[in-house]
Amino acid sequence: MKSMFIAMLGEKGKELEGIEEVEEMFVGIRRGFEKAIKEAEEEGMKKGIKEGKEKGHLEARKEDILELLRLRFG
């Protein structure tokens, strides 16, 4: 990721490489991205689980209704 930022900055990026404050900034940016990705993955998993449960309940209701119709109408 650091090399991507340096490449985006061009010559100025090459000058900044190795400066301690800039290196710390890159570490902070990387950690921020990692945290955002982790949070997004966790949120996605929660949403997927919720949608899966809802779909499961709908399928169960559908099966119950079909069974009632079979019993009623043969």
N, C-alpha and C. Protein backbone atom coordinates (compact mmCIF):
# COMPACT_ATOMS: atom_id res chain seq x y z
N MET A 1 0.83 -1.19 0.00
CA MET A 1 0.00 0.00 0.00
C MET A 1 0.88 1.25 0.00
N LYS A 2 1.95 1.20 0.76
CA LYS A 2 2.85 2.35 0.83
C LYS A 2 3.41 2.65 -0.55
N SER A 3 3.81 1.61 -1.26
CA SER A 3 4.39 1.83 -2.59
C SER A 3 3.36 2.43 -3.54
N MET A 4 2.08 2.09 -3.34
CA MET A 4 1.02 2.66 -4.17
C MET A 4 0.93 4.17 -3.94
N PHE A 5 0.98 4.58 -2.67
CA PHE A 5 0.91 6.01 -2.37
C PHE A 5 2.13 6.75 -2.91
N ILE A 6 3.28 6.14 -2.75
CA ILE A 6 4.51 6.76 -3.25
C ILE A 6 4.43 6.91 -4.76
N ALA A 7 3.95 5.88 -5.44
CA ALA A 7 3.81 5.95 -6.90
C ALA A 7 2.83 7.05 -7.30
N MET A 8 1.76 7.20 -6.53
CA MET A 8 0.77 8.24 -6.84
C MET A 8 1.37 9.64 -6.69
N LEU A 9 2.29 9.78 -5.75
CA LEU A 9 2.92 11.08 -5.50
C LEU A 9 4.07 11.37 -6.46
N GLY A 10 4.52 10.34 -7.15
CA GLY A 10 5.60 10.53 -8.13
C GLY A 10 6.92 10.86 -7.47
N GLU A 11 7.62 11.84 -8.03
CA GLU A 11 8.94 12.23 -7.52
C GLU A 11 8.87 12.69 -6.07
N LYS A 12 7.82 13.42 -5.73
CA LYS A 12 7.67 13.91 -4.36
C LYS A 12 7.55 12.73 -3.40
N GLY A 13 6.86 11.68 -3.84
CA GLY A 13 6.73 10.49 -3.01
C GLY A 13 8.06 9.83 -2.73
N LYS A 14 8.94 9.80 -3.72
CA LYS A 14 10.27 9.21 -3.53
C LYS A 14 11.07 10.02 -2.51
N GLU A 15 10.88 11.33 -2.51
CA GLU A 15 11.58 12.18 -1.55
C GLU A 15 11.08 11.94 -0.13
N LEU A 16 9.79 11.64 0.01
CA LEU A 16 9.19 11.45 1.33
C LEU A 16 9.50 10.09 1.93
N GLU A 17 9.80 9.12 1.08
CA GLU A 17 10.06 7.77 1.56
C GLU A 17 11.25 7.76 2.51
N GLY A 18 11.08 7.09 3.65
CA GLY A 18 12.16 7.00 4.62
C GLY A 18 12.08 8.04 5.72
N ILE A 19 11.31 9.11 5.54
CA ILE A 19 11.14 10.12 6.59
C ILE A 19 10.23 9.51 7.66
N GLU A 20 10.69 9.53 8.90
CA GLU A 20 10.00 8.83 9.98
C GLU A 20 8.53 9.24 10.12
N GLU A 21 8.24 10.53 10.09
CA GLU A 21 6.86 10.98 10.24
C GLU A 21 5.98 10.45 9.12
N VAL A 22 6.54 10.42 7.92
CA VAL A 22 5.78 9.93 6.77
C VAL A 22 5.56 8.43 6.89
N GLU A 23 6.59 7.71 7.35
CA GLU A 23 6.46 6.27 7.55
C GLU A 23 5.36 5.98 8.57
N GLU A 24 5.32 6.77 9.65
CA GLU A 24 4.27 6.61 10.66
C GLU A 24 2.90 6.89 10.06
N MET A 25 2.83 7.87 9.19
CA MET A 25 1.58 8.19 8.53
C MET A 25 1.10 6.99 7.69
N PHE A 26 2.04 6.37 6.96
CA PHE A 26 1.68 5.20 6.15
C PHE A 26 1.16 4.06 7.03
N VAL A 27 1.80 3.86 8.17
CA VAL A 27 1.36 2.82 9.10
C VAL A 27 -0.06 3.13 9.58
N GLY A 28 -0.32 4.39 9.93
CA GLY A 28 -1.65 4.79 10.37
C GLY A 28 -2.70 4.59 9.29
N ILE A 29 -2.35 4.94 8.07
CA ILE A 29 -3.28 4.75 6.95
C ILE A 29 -3.58 3.27 6.77
N ARG A 30 -2.53 2.44 6.81
CA ARG A 30 -2.72 1.00 6.63
C ARG A 30 -3.62 0.43 7.72
N ARG A 31 -3.37 0.83 8.96
CA ARG A 31 -4.20 0.35 10.08
C ARG A 31 -5.64 0.80 9.92
N GLY A 32 -5.82 2.03 9.45
CA GLY A 32 -7.18 2.52 9.22
C GLY A 32 -7.91 1.70 8.17
N PHE A 33 -7.20 1.39 7.08
CA PHE A 33 -7.80 0.55 6.04
C PHE A 33 -8.12 -0.84 6.57
N GLU A 34 -7.18 -1.42 7.31
CA GLU A 34 -7.40 -2.76 7.86
C GLU A 34 -8.61 -2.78 8.79
N LYS A 35 -8.74 -1.75 9.63
CA LYS A 35 -9.88 -1.68 10.55
C LYS A 35 -11.18 -1.53 9.78
N ALA A 36 -11.19 -0.67 8.76
CA ALA A 36 -12.40 -0.47 7.97
C ALA A 36 -12.80 -1.75 7.24
N ILE A 37 -11.82 -2.47 6.71
CA ILE A 37 -12.11 -3.72 6.02
C ILE A 37 -12.67 -4.75 7.00
N LYS A 38 -12.07 -4.86 8.18
CA LYS A 38 -12.54 -5.81 9.18
C LYS A 38 -13.97 -5.50 9.60
N GLU A 39 -14.26 -4.22 9.84
CA GLU A 39 -15.61 -3.82 10.23
C GLU A 39 -16.61 -4.12 9.12
N ALA A 40 -16.22 -3.87 7.89
CA ALA A 40 -17.11 -4.14 6.76
C ALA A 40 -17.38 -5.64 6.63
N GLU A 41 -16.34 -6.45 6.83
CA GLU A 41 -16.52 -7.90 6.76
C GLU A 41 -17.44 -8.39 7.87
N GLU A 42 -17.25 -7.87 9.09
CA GLU A 42 -18.10 -8.27 10.21
C GLU A 42 -19.55 -7.87 9.96
N GLU A 43 -19.75 -6.66 9.46
CA GLU A 43 -21.10 -6.18 9.17
C GLU A 43 -21.73 -7.03 8.07
N GLY A 44 -20.94 -7.39 7.08
CA GLY A 44 -21.44 -8.24 5.99
C GLY A 44 -21.84 -9.61 6.50
N MET A 45 -21.05 -10.16 7.42
CA MET A 45 -21.38 -11.47 7.98
C MET A 45 -22.67 -11.39 8.79
N LYS A 46 -22.82 -10.34 9.58
CA LYS A 46 -24.04 -10.17 10.37
C LYS A 46 -25.25 -10.07 9.46
N LYS A 47 -25.11 -9.30 8.39
CA LYS A 47 -26.21 -9.13 7.45
C LYS A 47 -26.53 -10.46 6.77
N GLY A 48 -25.50 -11.20 6.39
CA GLY A 48 -25.70 -12.49 5.74
C GLY A 48 -26.40 -13.48 6.65
N ILE A 49 -26.01 -13.50 7.92
CA ILE A 49 -26.65 -14.40 8.88
C ILE A 49 -28.12 -14.02 9.05
N LYS A 50 -28.39 -12.73 9.19
CA LYS A 50 -29.77 -12.26 9.36
C LYS A 50 -30.61 -12.63 8.14
N GLU A 51 -30.08 -12.39 6.94
CA GLU A 51 -30.82 -12.72 5.72
C GLU A 51 -31.03 -14.22 5.61
N GLY A 52 -30.03 -15.00 6.01
CA GLY A 52 -30.16 -16.46 5.98
C GLY A 52 -31.25 -16.95 6.91
N LYS A 53 -31.31 -16.37 8.11
CA LYS A 53 -32.36 -16.75 9.06
C LYS A 53 -33.74 -16.40 8.51
N GLU A 54 -33.86 -15.19 7.95
CA GLU A 54 -35.14 -14.77 7.39
C GLU A 54 -35.56 -15.68 6.25
N LYS A 55 -34.64 -16.03 5.39
CA LYS A 55 -34.95 -16.92 4.27
C LYS A 55 -35.35 -18.29 4.79
N GLY A 56 -34.65 -18.76 5.82
CA GLY A 56 -34.98 -20.05 6.42
C GLY A 56 -36.38 -20.06 7.00
N HIS A 57 -36.76 -18.97 7.67
CA HIS A 57 -38.10 -18.87 8.24
C HIS A 57 -39.15 -18.86 7.13
N LEU A 58 -38.88 -18.14 6.06
CA LEU A 58 -39.82 -18.10 4.94
C LEU A 58 -39.98 -19.46 4.30
N GLU A 59 -38.88 -20.17 4.14
CA GLU A 59 -38.94 -21.52 3.57
C GLU A 59 -39.73 -22.45 4.48
N ALA A 60 -39.52 -22.32 5.79
CA ALA A 60 -40.25 -23.16 6.74
C ALA A 60 -41.74 -22.87 6.68
N ARG A 61 -42.11 -21.60 6.60
CA ARG A 61 -43.52 -21.24 6.49
C ARG A 61 -44.12 -21.78 5.20
N LYS A 62 -43.37 -21.68 4.12
CA LYS A 62 -43.83 -22.18 2.83
C LYS A 62 -44.12 -23.68 2.92
N GLU A 63 -43.20 -24.41 3.54
CA GLU A 63 -43.39 -25.86 3.71
C GLU A 63 -44.61 -26.15 4.58
N ASP A 64 -44.80 -25.37 5.64
CA ASP A 64 -45.97 -25.56 6.51
C ASP A 64 -47.26 -25.33 5.73
N ILE A 65 -47.30 -24.28 4.95
CA ILE A 65 -48.50 -23.96 4.16
C ILE A 65 -48.77 -25.06 3.15
N LEU A 66 -47.73 -25.54 2.48
CA LEU A 66 -47.92 -26.62 1.51
C LEU A 66 -48.44 -27.89 2.19
N GLU A 67 -47.93 -28.19 3.37
CA GLU A 67 -48.39 -29.36 4.12
C GLU A 67 -49.85 -29.20 4.52
N LEU A 68 -50.24 -28.02 4.96
CA LEU A 68 -51.65 -27.78 5.30
C LEU A 68 -52.55 -27.94 4.08
N LEU A 69 -52.11 -27.45 2.94
CA LEU A 69 -52.89 -27.60 1.70
C LEU A 69 -53.00 -29.06 1.31
N ARG A 70 -51.93 -29.82 1.46
CA ARG A 70 -51.97 -31.26 1.14
C ARG A 70 -52.96 -31.98 2.05
N LEU A 71 -52.93 -31.64 3.34
CA LEU A 71 -53.85 -32.26 4.29
C LEU A 71 -55.30 -31.89 3.99
N ARG A 72 -55.52 -30.66 3.65
CA ARG A 72 -56.88 -30.16 3.41
C ARG A 72 -57.46 -30.68 2.10
N PHE A 73 -56.65 -30.64 1.04
CA PHE A 73 -57.18 -30.96 -0.28
C PHE A 73 -56.64 -32.28 -0.84
N GLY A 74 -55.86 -32.96 -0.07
CA GLY A 74 -55.39 -34.28 -0.49
C GLY A 74 -54.30 -34.28 -1.42
